[in-house]
Amino acid sequence: MDIHYFDTLPSTQTYLVEALQKKRLNPPVAVLALEQKAGVGSRDNAWSGGEGNFFASFAVKLDDLPEDLLLSSASIYFSFIMKQTLLDLGENIWLKWPNDFYKNDEKVGGTITKKVNDTLVCGIGINLKKSQNGYSALQSDISPNILLDKYLFALEKFPKWKQVFSEYEIEFELSRRFSVHIENYQKSLGDALLCDDGSLIIGGKKVYSLR
C-alpha cells in the first residue's frame, strides 16, 4: 500500500477523502501525520493532538474487502485488526463496541469509516503517548510509523469477517459494563444482543456499527 507521511495535517481523514475525490490519490493508499490539528472523531467530535500519538487514514477498494464483510460491519472489522496489532506489540487493549479502543476502563482511541464512491476510507486515532481530547493514553513508546506498517501488513491479509467476528464476539462481553450513544441517547450495552453482522439489538431495535 502506498503511504504518504506528513509532519502535520488538519485531519488525515479529510485530506484523504478530498484527495480521492479530486483523484490526486488512488486506493489502496494510507496517510500518516505526526500531528493533527483538526481531526474528526465519531459523532463529529474533534480528535486532534501532538507528536507521539497515532493519526492515520487509509483507503481500500470495496472489491478488495472480504466477500463476507458487510459495509455495516467494517468499523468493527478495521478496529479489531488494529486491536490485535497493538496486542501483538504488547499493549493491553480491547475494543468497545463498535469502534473505541480501551485500556482497562479508559478510552485511548477510536475509528471512523466513510464510503467514497467505490472506496472505503477509515481513520484511526490512538493516544499512544499523550493523553488528549479528554481521554487517556497507552503511555507507549511504539512509533506511529511502525504501528501503521504492522497494521497495514495485517490488514492486507484481509481475514474473513467470520474469523474476526468469532474472536470479537467473546470480547464483546467487556462492553456490557458500558453504554453507547445511539441517536443522541446513552444506551446501556448490558442487555444488548450482538448479531453476527456486528449490529446490536437493544430494546427490540437493531443498531448498526457504521460510523
N, C-alpha and C. Protein backbone atom coordinates (compact mmCIF):
# COMPACT_ATOMS: atom_id res chain seq x y z
N MET A 1 0.85 -1.20 0.00
CA MET A 1 0.00 0.00 0.00
C MET A 1 0.88 1.25 0.00
N ASP A 2 0.51 2.22 -0.81
CA ASP A 2 1.23 3.48 -0.88
C ASP A 2 0.95 4.29 0.39
N ILE A 3 2.01 4.78 1.07
CA ILE A 3 1.85 5.55 2.31
C ILE A 3 2.44 6.94 2.14
N HIS A 4 1.66 7.94 2.53
CA HIS A 4 2.11 9.34 2.48
C HIS A 4 2.27 9.86 3.90
N TYR A 5 3.47 10.39 4.20
CA TYR A 5 3.79 10.84 5.55
C TYR A 5 3.80 12.38 5.61
N PHE A 6 3.27 12.90 6.71
CA PHE A 6 3.24 14.35 6.91
C PHE A 6 3.65 14.67 8.35
N ASP A 7 4.33 15.80 8.51
CA ASP A 7 4.64 16.27 9.87
C ASP A 7 3.35 16.69 10.57
N THR A 8 2.50 17.41 9.83
CA THR A 8 1.24 17.86 10.42
C THR A 8 0.17 18.00 9.34
N LEU A 9 -1.06 17.72 9.71
CA LEU A 9 -2.23 17.89 8.85
C LEU A 9 -3.39 18.36 9.72
N PRO A 10 -4.33 19.12 9.14
CA PRO A 10 -5.55 19.41 9.90
C PRO A 10 -6.26 18.10 10.27
N SER A 11 -6.40 17.17 9.29
CA SER A 11 -7.06 15.89 9.51
C SER A 11 -6.62 14.90 8.43
N THR A 12 -6.12 13.75 8.83
CA THR A 12 -5.75 12.74 7.83
C THR A 12 -6.98 12.26 7.06
N GLN A 13 -8.10 12.15 7.75
CA GLN A 13 -9.33 11.69 7.11
C GLN A 13 -9.81 12.69 6.06
N THR A 14 -9.88 13.95 6.43
CA THR A 14 -10.32 14.99 5.49
C THR A 14 -9.38 15.08 4.29
N TYR A 15 -8.08 15.05 4.56
CA TYR A 15 -7.09 15.12 3.49
C TYR A 15 -7.27 13.97 2.51
N LEU A 16 -7.43 12.75 3.03
CA LEU A 16 -7.52 11.59 2.16
C LEU A 16 -8.82 11.58 1.37
N VAL A 17 -9.92 11.91 2.01
CA VAL A 17 -11.21 11.95 1.30
C VAL A 17 -11.16 12.96 0.16
N GLU A 18 -10.63 14.15 0.41
CA GLU A 18 -10.54 15.17 -0.64
C GLU A 18 -9.59 14.73 -1.76
N ALA A 19 -8.48 14.10 -1.40
CA ALA A 19 -7.52 13.64 -2.41
C ALA A 19 -8.13 12.55 -3.29
N LEU A 20 -8.94 11.70 -2.72
CA LEU A 20 -9.62 10.66 -3.50
C LEU A 20 -10.66 11.28 -4.43
N GLN A 21 -11.43 12.22 -3.89
CA GLN A 21 -12.47 12.85 -4.68
C GLN A 21 -11.90 13.62 -5.86
N LYS A 22 -10.72 14.23 -5.66
CA LYS A 22 -10.07 15.00 -6.73
C LYS A 22 -9.11 14.15 -7.55
N LYS A 23 -9.05 12.85 -7.20
CA LYS A 23 -8.23 11.87 -7.92
C LYS A 23 -6.73 12.20 -7.88
N ARG A 24 -6.32 12.87 -6.80
CA ARG A 24 -4.88 13.07 -6.57
C ARG A 24 -4.25 11.80 -6.03
N LEU A 25 -5.05 11.01 -5.32
CA LEU A 25 -4.60 9.72 -4.79
C LEU A 25 -5.61 8.65 -5.17
N ASN A 26 -5.12 7.43 -5.27
CA ASN A 26 -5.99 6.31 -5.61
C ASN A 26 -5.74 5.15 -4.64
N PRO A 27 -6.79 4.42 -4.27
CA PRO A 27 -6.62 3.29 -3.36
C PRO A 27 -5.91 2.13 -4.04
N PRO A 28 -5.20 1.32 -3.25
CA PRO A 28 -5.02 1.39 -1.80
C PRO A 28 -3.96 2.42 -1.42
N VAL A 29 -4.28 3.23 -0.43
CA VAL A 29 -3.37 4.31 -0.04
C VAL A 29 -3.61 4.64 1.44
N ALA A 30 -2.56 5.11 2.10
CA ALA A 30 -2.67 5.49 3.51
C ALA A 30 -1.97 6.83 3.73
N VAL A 31 -2.43 7.54 4.74
CA VAL A 31 -1.86 8.84 5.12
C VAL A 31 -1.57 8.81 6.62
N LEU A 32 -0.37 9.24 7.00
CA LEU A 32 0.00 9.31 8.41
C LEU A 32 0.52 10.71 8.72
N ALA A 33 0.03 11.30 9.80
CA ALA A 33 0.51 12.60 10.25
C ALA A 33 1.06 12.47 11.67
N LEU A 34 2.20 13.12 11.93
CA LEU A 34 2.76 13.09 13.28
C LEU A 34 1.97 13.99 14.22
N GLU A 35 1.28 14.98 13.62
CA GLU A 35 0.48 15.90 14.42
C GLU A 35 -0.79 16.22 13.65
N GLN A 36 -1.90 16.34 14.35
CA GLN A 36 -3.19 16.59 13.70
C GLN A 36 -3.89 17.75 14.42
N LYS A 37 -4.29 18.74 13.63
CA LYS A 37 -4.81 19.99 14.22
C LYS A 37 -6.33 20.04 14.31
N ALA A 38 -7.01 19.36 13.39
CA ALA A 38 -8.48 19.43 13.35
C ALA A 38 -9.06 18.08 12.95
N GLY A 39 -8.64 17.05 13.67
CA GLY A 39 -9.08 15.71 13.36
C GLY A 39 -10.56 15.50 13.63
N VAL A 40 -11.12 14.52 12.94
CA VAL A 40 -12.55 14.22 13.05
C VAL A 40 -12.74 12.90 13.79
N GLY A 41 -13.50 12.94 14.88
CA GLY A 41 -13.84 11.73 15.61
C GLY A 41 -15.28 11.33 15.33
N SER A 42 -15.75 10.33 16.05
CA SER A 42 -17.14 9.89 15.87
C SER A 42 -18.10 10.95 16.38
N ARG A 43 -19.30 10.97 15.80
CA ARG A 43 -20.34 11.95 16.13
C ARG A 43 -19.83 13.38 15.97
N ASP A 44 -18.91 13.59 14.99
CA ASP A 44 -18.37 14.91 14.66
C ASP A 44 -17.56 15.52 15.79
N ASN A 45 -17.13 14.72 16.74
CA ASN A 45 -16.24 15.22 17.77
C ASN A 45 -14.83 15.41 17.21
N ALA A 46 -14.07 16.29 17.83
CA ALA A 46 -12.69 16.53 17.38
C ALA A 46 -11.78 15.41 17.87
N TRP A 47 -10.75 15.11 17.08
CA TRP A 47 -9.71 14.19 17.52
C TRP A 47 -8.37 14.73 17.01
N SER A 48 -7.75 15.56 17.83
CA SER A 48 -6.51 16.22 17.43
C SER A 48 -5.46 16.02 18.51
N GLY A 49 -4.22 16.36 18.19
CA GLY A 49 -3.19 16.25 19.20
C GLY A 49 -1.80 16.29 18.63
N GLY A 50 -0.84 16.19 19.54
CA GLY A 50 0.55 16.41 19.18
C GLY A 50 1.33 15.15 18.86
N GLU A 51 2.61 15.38 18.61
CA GLU A 51 3.52 14.32 18.17
C GLU A 51 3.63 13.22 19.21
N GLY A 52 3.76 11.99 18.73
CA GLY A 52 3.87 10.84 19.61
C GLY A 52 2.63 9.98 19.60
N ASN A 53 1.50 10.57 19.19
CA ASN A 53 0.26 9.81 19.07
C ASN A 53 0.04 9.38 17.63
N PHE A 54 -1.00 8.58 17.41
CA PHE A 54 -1.22 7.95 16.10
C PHE A 54 -2.40 8.60 15.40
N PHE A 55 -2.13 9.16 14.21
CA PHE A 55 -3.17 9.78 13.39
C PHE A 55 -3.01 9.25 11.97
N ALA A 56 -3.90 8.40 11.54
CA ALA A 56 -3.76 7.80 10.21
C ALA A 56 -5.12 7.53 9.58
N SER A 57 -5.14 7.56 8.27
CA SER A 57 -6.32 7.17 7.49
C SER A 57 -5.84 6.35 6.30
N PHE A 58 -6.67 5.43 5.87
CA PHE A 58 -6.33 4.63 4.70
C PHE A 58 -7.59 4.39 3.87
N ALA A 59 -7.37 4.05 2.62
CA ALA A 59 -8.49 3.81 1.70
C ALA A 59 -8.26 2.51 0.95
N VAL A 60 -9.31 1.71 0.87
CA VAL A 60 -9.26 0.45 0.13
C VAL A 60 -10.50 0.35 -0.75
N LYS A 61 -10.35 -0.31 -1.87
CA LYS A 61 -11.48 -0.56 -2.75
C LYS A 61 -12.45 -1.54 -2.09
N LEU A 62 -13.72 -1.27 -2.24
CA LEU A 62 -14.72 -2.18 -1.68
C LEU A 62 -14.55 -3.60 -2.22
N ASP A 63 -14.14 -3.70 -3.49
CA ASP A 63 -13.98 -5.02 -4.11
C ASP A 63 -12.83 -5.81 -3.51
N ASP A 64 -11.90 -5.13 -2.82
CA ASP A 64 -10.76 -5.82 -2.23
C ASP A 64 -11.07 -6.39 -0.85
N LEU A 65 -12.18 -5.98 -0.27
CA LEU A 65 -12.55 -6.45 1.06
C LEU A 65 -13.09 -7.88 0.98
N PRO A 66 -13.06 -8.61 2.09
CA PRO A 66 -13.59 -9.98 2.08
C PRO A 66 -15.04 -10.02 1.62
N GLU A 67 -15.39 -11.06 0.91
CA GLU A 67 -16.74 -11.18 0.36
C GLU A 67 -17.80 -11.23 1.45
N ASP A 68 -17.43 -11.73 2.63
CA ASP A 68 -18.44 -11.86 3.69
C ASP A 68 -18.50 -10.64 4.60
N LEU A 69 -17.76 -9.57 4.26
CA LEU A 69 -17.77 -8.35 5.09
C LEU A 69 -18.81 -7.37 4.57
N LEU A 70 -19.84 -7.12 5.38
CA LEU A 70 -20.83 -6.11 5.04
C LEU A 70 -20.30 -4.73 5.39
N LEU A 71 -20.76 -3.72 4.67
CA LEU A 71 -20.32 -2.36 4.93
C LEU A 71 -20.61 -1.96 6.37
N SER A 72 -21.73 -2.42 6.90
CA SER A 72 -22.12 -2.08 8.27
C SER A 72 -21.22 -2.74 9.31
N SER A 73 -20.41 -3.70 8.89
CA SER A 73 -19.50 -4.38 9.82
C SER A 73 -18.08 -3.84 9.76
N ALA A 74 -17.82 -2.92 8.83
CA ALA A 74 -16.45 -2.50 8.54
C ALA A 74 -15.77 -1.81 9.72
N SER A 75 -16.52 -1.02 10.48
CA SER A 75 -15.92 -0.29 11.59
C SER A 75 -15.34 -1.26 12.63
N ILE A 76 -16.10 -2.30 12.96
CA ILE A 76 -15.60 -3.31 13.88
C ILE A 76 -14.42 -4.06 13.27
N TYR A 77 -14.54 -4.40 12.00
CA TYR A 77 -13.51 -5.17 11.30
C TYR A 77 -12.16 -4.45 11.34
N PHE A 78 -12.13 -3.21 10.89
CA PHE A 78 -10.88 -2.44 10.87
C PHE A 78 -10.35 -2.22 12.28
N SER A 79 -11.25 -1.94 13.21
CA SER A 79 -10.84 -1.66 14.59
C SER A 79 -10.25 -2.90 15.25
N PHE A 80 -10.87 -4.04 15.03
CA PHE A 80 -10.40 -5.25 15.69
C PHE A 80 -9.02 -5.66 15.20
N ILE A 81 -8.76 -5.47 13.92
CA ILE A 81 -7.43 -5.78 13.39
C ILE A 81 -6.38 -4.87 14.02
N MET A 82 -6.72 -3.59 14.25
CA MET A 82 -5.79 -2.70 14.95
C MET A 82 -5.60 -3.14 16.39
N LYS A 83 -6.67 -3.55 17.04
CA LYS A 83 -6.54 -4.02 18.42
C LYS A 83 -5.60 -5.21 18.50
N GLN A 84 -5.74 -6.14 17.56
CA GLN A 84 -4.87 -7.31 17.54
C GLN A 84 -3.42 -6.90 17.28
N THR A 85 -3.21 -5.91 16.42
CA THR A 85 -1.87 -5.42 16.13
C THR A 85 -1.22 -4.85 17.38
N LEU A 86 -1.98 -4.08 18.14
CA LEU A 86 -1.46 -3.49 19.39
C LEU A 86 -1.20 -4.58 20.43
N LEU A 87 -2.07 -5.58 20.50
CA LEU A 87 -1.83 -6.70 21.42
C LEU A 87 -0.52 -7.41 21.08
N ASP A 88 -0.27 -7.60 19.79
CA ASP A 88 0.96 -8.26 19.36
C ASP A 88 2.19 -7.43 19.72
N LEU A 89 2.00 -6.13 19.88
CA LEU A 89 3.10 -5.23 20.27
C LEU A 89 3.18 -5.06 21.78
N GLY A 90 2.38 -5.85 22.51
CA GLY A 90 2.49 -5.87 23.96
C GLY A 90 1.59 -4.92 24.70
N GLU A 91 0.63 -4.29 24.00
CA GLU A 91 -0.27 -3.35 24.65
C GLU A 91 -1.54 -4.05 25.14
N ASN A 92 -1.92 -3.77 26.36
CA ASN A 92 -3.14 -4.33 26.95
C ASN A 92 -4.33 -3.46 26.54
N ILE A 93 -5.02 -3.88 25.50
CA ILE A 93 -6.06 -3.04 24.90
C ILE A 93 -7.21 -3.93 24.44
N TRP A 94 -8.41 -3.38 24.44
CA TRP A 94 -9.58 -4.13 23.96
C TRP A 94 -10.50 -3.18 23.20
N LEU A 95 -11.44 -3.75 22.45
CA LEU A 95 -12.32 -2.96 21.58
C LEU A 95 -13.73 -2.90 22.15
N LYS A 96 -14.14 -1.70 22.54
CA LYS A 96 -15.52 -1.48 22.98
C LYS A 96 -16.39 -1.24 21.75
N TRP A 97 -17.55 -1.88 21.74
CA TRP A 97 -18.45 -1.76 20.58
C TRP A 97 -18.77 -0.29 20.32
N PRO A 98 -18.74 0.15 19.03
CA PRO A 98 -18.24 -0.65 17.89
C PRO A 98 -16.82 -0.31 17.48
N ASN A 99 -16.29 0.81 17.98
CA ASN A 99 -15.04 1.30 17.37
C ASN A 99 -14.16 2.09 18.32
N ASP A 100 -14.25 1.84 19.61
CA ASP A 100 -13.44 2.57 20.58
C ASP A 100 -12.39 1.65 21.19
N PHE A 101 -11.15 2.13 21.23
CA PHE A 101 -10.06 1.38 21.85
C PHE A 101 -9.97 1.74 23.32
N TYR A 102 -9.94 0.74 24.17
CA TYR A 102 -9.89 0.95 25.61
C TYR A 102 -8.69 0.24 26.22
N LYS A 103 -8.09 0.89 27.22
CA LYS A 103 -7.14 0.25 28.12
C LYS A 103 -7.81 0.21 29.48
N ASN A 104 -8.09 -0.97 29.96
CA ASN A 104 -8.88 -1.15 31.17
C ASN A 104 -10.23 -0.45 30.99
N ASP A 105 -10.53 0.56 31.78
CA ASP A 105 -11.83 1.24 31.69
C ASP A 105 -11.73 2.61 31.03
N GLU A 106 -10.63 2.89 30.35
CA GLU A 106 -10.42 4.23 29.79
C GLU A 106 -10.21 4.19 28.29
N LYS A 107 -10.90 5.07 27.60
CA LYS A 107 -10.76 5.17 26.15
C LYS A 107 -9.42 5.79 25.78
N VAL A 108 -8.77 5.18 24.78
CA VAL A 108 -7.50 5.71 24.31
C VAL A 108 -7.52 6.00 22.81
N GLY A 109 -8.62 5.68 22.12
CA GLY A 109 -8.66 5.94 20.69
C GLY A 109 -9.96 5.47 20.07
N GLY A 110 -10.04 5.64 18.75
CA GLY A 110 -11.25 5.24 18.05
C GLY A 110 -11.06 5.21 16.55
N THR A 111 -12.10 4.75 15.87
CA THR A 111 -12.09 4.55 14.42
C THR A 111 -13.33 5.18 13.80
N ILE A 112 -13.18 5.76 12.61
CA ILE A 112 -14.34 6.20 11.84
C ILE A 112 -14.20 5.68 10.41
N THR A 113 -15.32 5.41 9.77
CA THR A 113 -15.30 4.95 8.39
C THR A 113 -16.22 5.82 7.53
N LYS A 114 -15.86 5.93 6.26
CA LYS A 114 -16.64 6.75 5.33
C LYS A 114 -16.53 6.14 3.94
N LYS A 115 -17.67 5.97 3.29
CA LYS A 115 -17.69 5.44 1.93
C LYS A 115 -17.57 6.59 0.94
N VAL A 116 -16.61 6.47 0.02
CA VAL A 116 -16.40 7.46 -1.04
C VAL A 116 -16.46 6.71 -2.36
N ASN A 117 -17.61 6.79 -3.03
CA ASN A 117 -17.84 6.06 -4.28
C ASN A 117 -17.62 4.56 -4.06
N ASP A 118 -16.64 3.97 -4.75
CA ASP A 118 -16.40 2.53 -4.61
C ASP A 118 -15.24 2.24 -3.66
N THR A 119 -14.98 3.21 -2.76
CA THR A 119 -13.84 3.11 -1.85
C THR A 119 -14.31 3.29 -0.41
N LEU A 120 -13.67 2.59 0.51
CA LEU A 120 -13.95 2.78 1.92
C LEU A 120 -12.74 3.43 2.57
N VAL A 121 -12.99 4.53 3.26
CA VAL A 121 -11.93 5.28 3.94
C VAL A 121 -12.09 5.08 5.44
N CYS A 122 -11.01 4.74 6.09
CA CYS A 122 -11.02 4.51 7.53
C CYS A 122 -9.98 5.40 8.20
N GLY A 123 -10.38 6.12 9.22
CA GLY A 123 -9.47 6.93 10.01
C GLY A 123 -9.34 6.35 11.41
N ILE A 124 -8.11 6.29 11.91
CA ILE A 124 -7.85 5.75 13.25
C ILE A 124 -7.00 6.74 14.04
N GLY A 125 -7.45 7.07 15.23
CA GLY A 125 -6.69 7.91 16.14
C GLY A 125 -6.47 7.19 17.45
N ILE A 126 -5.23 7.14 17.92
CA ILE A 126 -4.91 6.45 19.17
C ILE A 126 -3.92 7.28 19.98
N ASN A 127 -4.23 7.48 21.24
CA ASN A 127 -3.32 8.18 22.14
C ASN A 127 -2.24 7.20 22.59
N LEU A 128 -1.17 7.13 21.83
CA LEU A 128 -0.07 6.22 22.18
C LEU A 128 0.72 6.75 23.36
N LYS A 129 1.00 8.05 23.33
CA LYS A 129 1.96 8.63 24.27
C LYS A 129 1.33 9.62 25.24
N LYS A 130 0.49 10.51 24.69
CA LYS A 130 -0.02 11.63 25.48
C LYS A 130 -1.53 11.58 25.57
N SER A 131 -2.05 11.84 26.77
CA SER A 131 -3.50 11.96 26.94
C SER A 131 -3.97 13.23 26.26
N GLN A 132 -5.10 13.17 25.59
CA GLN A 132 -5.66 14.34 24.90
C GLN A 132 -7.13 14.09 24.62
N ASN A 133 -7.81 15.11 24.18
CA ASN A 133 -9.24 15.03 23.86
C ASN A 133 -10.07 14.56 25.05
N GLY A 134 -9.52 14.70 26.25
CA GLY A 134 -10.24 14.25 27.44
C GLY A 134 -10.11 12.75 27.68
N TYR A 135 -9.25 12.07 26.91
CA TYR A 135 -9.09 10.62 27.03
C TYR A 135 -7.70 10.26 27.51
N SER A 136 -7.54 9.02 27.92
CA SER A 136 -6.29 8.53 28.45
C SER A 136 -5.33 8.16 27.31
N ALA A 137 -4.14 7.67 27.68
CA ALA A 137 -3.15 7.25 26.69
C ALA A 137 -2.53 5.93 27.12
N LEU A 138 -1.95 5.23 26.15
CA LEU A 138 -1.30 3.95 26.45
C LEU A 138 0.03 4.14 27.16
N GLN A 139 0.60 5.34 27.09
CA GLN A 139 1.95 5.59 27.63
C GLN A 139 2.96 4.63 26.99
N SER A 140 2.84 4.50 25.67
CA SER A 140 3.64 3.54 24.92
C SER A 140 4.72 4.26 24.11
N ASP A 141 5.83 3.55 23.88
CA ASP A 141 6.90 4.09 23.05
C ASP A 141 6.83 3.57 21.62
N ILE A 142 5.72 2.96 21.24
CA ILE A 142 5.55 2.47 19.87
C ILE A 142 5.60 3.65 18.89
N SER A 143 6.39 3.51 17.85
CA SER A 143 6.45 4.53 16.81
C SER A 143 5.19 4.48 15.95
N PRO A 144 4.54 5.63 15.67
CA PRO A 144 3.38 5.63 14.79
C PRO A 144 3.67 5.00 13.42
N ASN A 145 4.88 5.23 12.91
CA ASN A 145 5.25 4.67 11.60
C ASN A 145 5.27 3.14 11.65
N ILE A 146 5.86 2.60 12.70
CA ILE A 146 5.94 1.15 12.85
C ILE A 146 4.55 0.55 13.06
N LEU A 147 3.74 1.23 13.87
CA LEU A 147 2.38 0.74 14.10
C LEU A 147 1.59 0.70 12.80
N LEU A 148 1.70 1.74 11.99
CA LEU A 148 0.97 1.74 10.71
C LEU A 148 1.46 0.62 9.81
N ASP A 149 2.77 0.43 9.73
CA ASP A 149 3.32 -0.63 8.88
C ASP A 149 2.79 -2.00 9.30
N LYS A 150 2.82 -2.26 10.60
CA LYS A 150 2.38 -3.57 11.10
C LYS A 150 0.86 -3.73 10.92
N TYR A 151 0.13 -2.64 11.11
CA TYR A 151 -1.32 -2.72 10.92
C TYR A 151 -1.68 -3.01 9.47
N LEU A 152 -1.07 -2.29 8.55
CA LEU A 152 -1.38 -2.49 7.14
C LEU A 152 -0.97 -3.89 6.68
N PHE A 153 0.13 -4.40 7.23
CA PHE A 153 0.56 -5.77 6.89
C PHE A 153 -0.52 -6.77 7.31
N ALA A 154 -1.08 -6.56 8.52
CA ALA A 154 -2.14 -7.45 8.99
C ALA A 154 -3.42 -7.25 8.19
N LEU A 155 -3.76 -5.99 7.90
CA LEU A 155 -4.99 -5.70 7.17
C LEU A 155 -4.97 -6.28 5.77
N GLU A 156 -3.83 -6.20 5.09
CA GLU A 156 -3.75 -6.62 3.70
C GLU A 156 -3.86 -8.13 3.52
N LYS A 157 -3.87 -8.86 4.64
CA LYS A 157 -4.19 -10.28 4.56
C LYS A 157 -5.70 -10.48 4.42
N PHE A 158 -6.45 -9.41 4.72
CA PHE A 158 -7.91 -9.40 4.61
C PHE A 158 -8.54 -10.68 5.16
N PRO A 159 -8.40 -10.89 6.49
CA PRO A 159 -9.07 -12.06 7.08
C PRO A 159 -10.57 -11.98 6.87
N LYS A 160 -11.22 -13.13 6.84
CA LYS A 160 -12.67 -13.16 6.67
C LYS A 160 -13.36 -12.50 7.85
N TRP A 161 -14.51 -11.87 7.58
CA TRP A 161 -15.30 -11.27 8.66
C TRP A 161 -15.67 -12.34 9.68
N LYS A 162 -16.01 -13.54 9.21
CA LYS A 162 -16.41 -14.62 10.12
C LYS A 162 -15.31 -14.91 11.13
N GLN A 163 -14.06 -14.88 10.68
CA GLN A 163 -12.92 -15.13 11.56
C GLN A 163 -12.77 -14.02 12.60
N VAL A 164 -12.86 -12.77 12.14
CA VAL A 164 -12.73 -11.62 13.04
C VAL A 164 -13.88 -11.62 14.05
N PHE A 165 -15.10 -11.86 13.56
CA PHE A 165 -16.27 -11.80 14.43
C PHE A 165 -16.23 -12.88 15.51
N SER A 166 -15.73 -14.06 15.17
CA SER A 166 -15.69 -15.15 16.15
C SER A 166 -14.83 -14.78 17.35
N GLU A 167 -13.80 -13.97 17.12
CA GLU A 167 -12.95 -13.51 18.22
C GLU A 167 -13.58 -12.31 18.92
N TYR A 168 -14.15 -11.41 18.15
CA TYR A 168 -14.76 -10.22 18.75
C TYR A 168 -15.98 -10.57 19.59
N GLU A 169 -16.70 -11.59 19.19
CA GLU A 169 -17.90 -12.00 19.90
C GLU A 169 -17.60 -12.29 21.38
N ILE A 170 -16.45 -12.87 21.64
CA ILE A 170 -16.03 -13.15 23.02
C ILE A 170 -15.68 -11.85 23.73
N GLU A 171 -14.95 -11.00 23.06
CA GLU A 171 -14.51 -9.74 23.65
C GLU A 171 -15.66 -8.78 23.92
N PHE A 172 -16.74 -8.91 23.17
CA PHE A 172 -17.87 -8.01 23.34
C PHE A 172 -18.40 -8.02 24.77
N GLU A 173 -18.22 -9.11 25.48
CA GLU A 173 -18.71 -9.19 26.86
C GLU A 173 -18.12 -8.08 27.72
N LEU A 174 -16.93 -7.60 27.38
CA LEU A 174 -16.31 -6.49 28.14
C LEU A 174 -17.09 -5.19 27.95
N SER A 175 -17.81 -5.07 26.85
CA SER A 175 -18.56 -3.84 26.57
C SER A 175 -19.82 -3.72 27.40
N ARG A 176 -20.27 -4.80 27.98
CA ARG A 176 -21.57 -4.78 28.65
C ARG A 176 -21.61 -3.87 29.87
N ARG A 177 -20.46 -3.52 30.41
CA ARG A 177 -20.42 -2.62 31.56
C ARG A 177 -20.56 -1.15 31.16
N PHE A 178 -20.64 -0.91 29.84
CA PHE A 178 -20.62 0.45 29.34
C PHE A 178 -21.92 0.79 28.60
N SER A 179 -22.02 2.04 28.21
CA SER A 179 -23.14 2.50 27.38
C SER A 179 -22.60 3.03 26.07
N VAL A 180 -23.52 3.31 25.14
CA VAL A 180 -23.12 3.80 23.83
C VAL A 180 -24.12 4.86 23.39
N HIS A 181 -23.64 5.83 22.58
CA HIS A 181 -24.53 6.87 22.05
C HIS A 181 -25.30 6.32 20.86
N ILE A 182 -26.62 6.35 20.95
CA ILE A 182 -27.49 5.95 19.85
C ILE A 182 -28.56 7.01 19.69
N GLU A 183 -28.52 7.68 18.53
CA GLU A 183 -29.49 8.75 18.24
C GLU A 183 -29.53 9.77 19.39
N ASN A 184 -28.35 10.18 19.82
CA ASN A 184 -28.18 11.21 20.85
C ASN A 184 -28.62 10.77 22.24
N TYR A 185 -28.85 9.48 22.42
CA TYR A 185 -29.19 8.95 23.74
C TYR A 185 -28.12 7.97 24.19
N GLN A 186 -27.90 7.91 25.49
CA GLN A 186 -27.00 6.92 26.06
C GLN A 186 -27.78 5.63 26.31
N LYS A 187 -27.32 4.55 25.72
CA LYS A 187 -27.99 3.26 25.89
C LYS A 187 -27.02 2.26 26.52
N SER A 188 -27.47 1.58 27.55
CA SER A 188 -26.64 0.57 28.19
C SER A 188 -26.45 -0.62 27.25
N LEU A 189 -25.25 -1.19 27.27
CA LEU A 189 -24.97 -2.38 26.48
C LEU A 189 -25.17 -3.66 27.30
N GLY A 190 -25.65 -3.51 28.55
CA GLY A 190 -25.78 -4.64 29.45
C GLY A 190 -26.63 -5.77 28.91
N ASP A 191 -27.73 -5.45 28.28
CA ASP A 191 -28.65 -6.48 27.78
C ASP A 191 -28.67 -6.55 26.26
N ALA A 192 -27.69 -5.93 25.61
CA ALA A 192 -27.67 -5.90 24.14
C ALA A 192 -27.39 -7.29 23.58
N LEU A 193 -28.02 -7.58 22.45
CA LEU A 193 -27.78 -8.83 21.73
C LEU A 193 -26.90 -8.53 20.53
N LEU A 194 -25.72 -9.14 20.48
CA LEU A 194 -24.79 -8.95 19.37
C LEU A 194 -25.15 -9.89 18.24
N CYS A 195 -25.45 -9.32 17.06
CA CYS A 195 -25.80 -10.12 15.88
C CYS A 195 -24.54 -10.45 15.09
N ASP A 196 -24.65 -11.44 14.19
CA ASP A 196 -23.45 -11.92 13.51
C ASP A 196 -22.94 -10.97 12.43
N ASP A 197 -23.66 -9.87 12.17
CA ASP A 197 -23.14 -8.85 11.27
C ASP A 197 -22.52 -7.69 12.06
N GLY A 198 -22.40 -7.84 13.38
CA GLY A 198 -21.81 -6.81 14.22
C GLY A 198 -22.80 -5.79 14.74
N SER A 199 -24.05 -5.87 14.29
CA SER A 199 -25.07 -4.96 14.79
C SER A 199 -25.55 -5.43 16.16
N LEU A 200 -26.30 -4.56 16.84
CA LEU A 200 -26.86 -4.90 18.14
C LEU A 200 -28.37 -4.80 18.10
N ILE A 201 -29.02 -5.58 18.93
CA ILE A 201 -30.44 -5.38 19.19
C ILE A 201 -30.55 -4.87 20.63
N ILE A 202 -31.01 -3.63 20.76
CA ILE A 202 -31.17 -3.00 22.07
C ILE A 202 -32.62 -2.55 22.20
N GLY A 203 -33.29 -3.06 23.20
CA GLY A 203 -34.69 -2.69 23.40
C GLY A 203 -35.56 -3.02 22.21
N GLY A 204 -35.25 -4.10 21.52
CA GLY A 204 -36.04 -4.53 20.37
C GLY A 204 -35.70 -3.81 19.08
N LYS A 205 -34.72 -2.90 19.11
CA LYS A 205 -34.35 -2.12 17.92
C LYS A 205 -32.95 -2.50 17.47
N LYS A 206 -32.79 -2.68 16.15
CA LYS A 206 -31.47 -3.05 15.60
C LYS A 206 -30.65 -1.79 15.36
N VAL A 207 -29.40 -1.84 15.84
CA VAL A 207 -28.50 -0.69 15.73
C VAL A 207 -27.22 -1.17 15.04
N TYR A 208 -26.80 -0.41 14.02
CA TYR A 208 -25.61 -0.79 13.26
C TYR A 208 -24.38 -0.01 13.71
N SER A 209 -23.23 -0.59 13.41
CA SER A 209 -21.97 -0.03 13.92
C SER A 209 -21.34 0.97 12.95
N LEU A 210 -21.89 1.15 11.76
CA LEU A 210 -21.26 2.00 10.77
C LEU A 210 -21.19 3.44 11.25
N ARG A 211 -19.98 4.02 11.20
CA ARG A 211 -19.78 5.43 11.56
C ARG A 211 -18.80 6.03 10.58
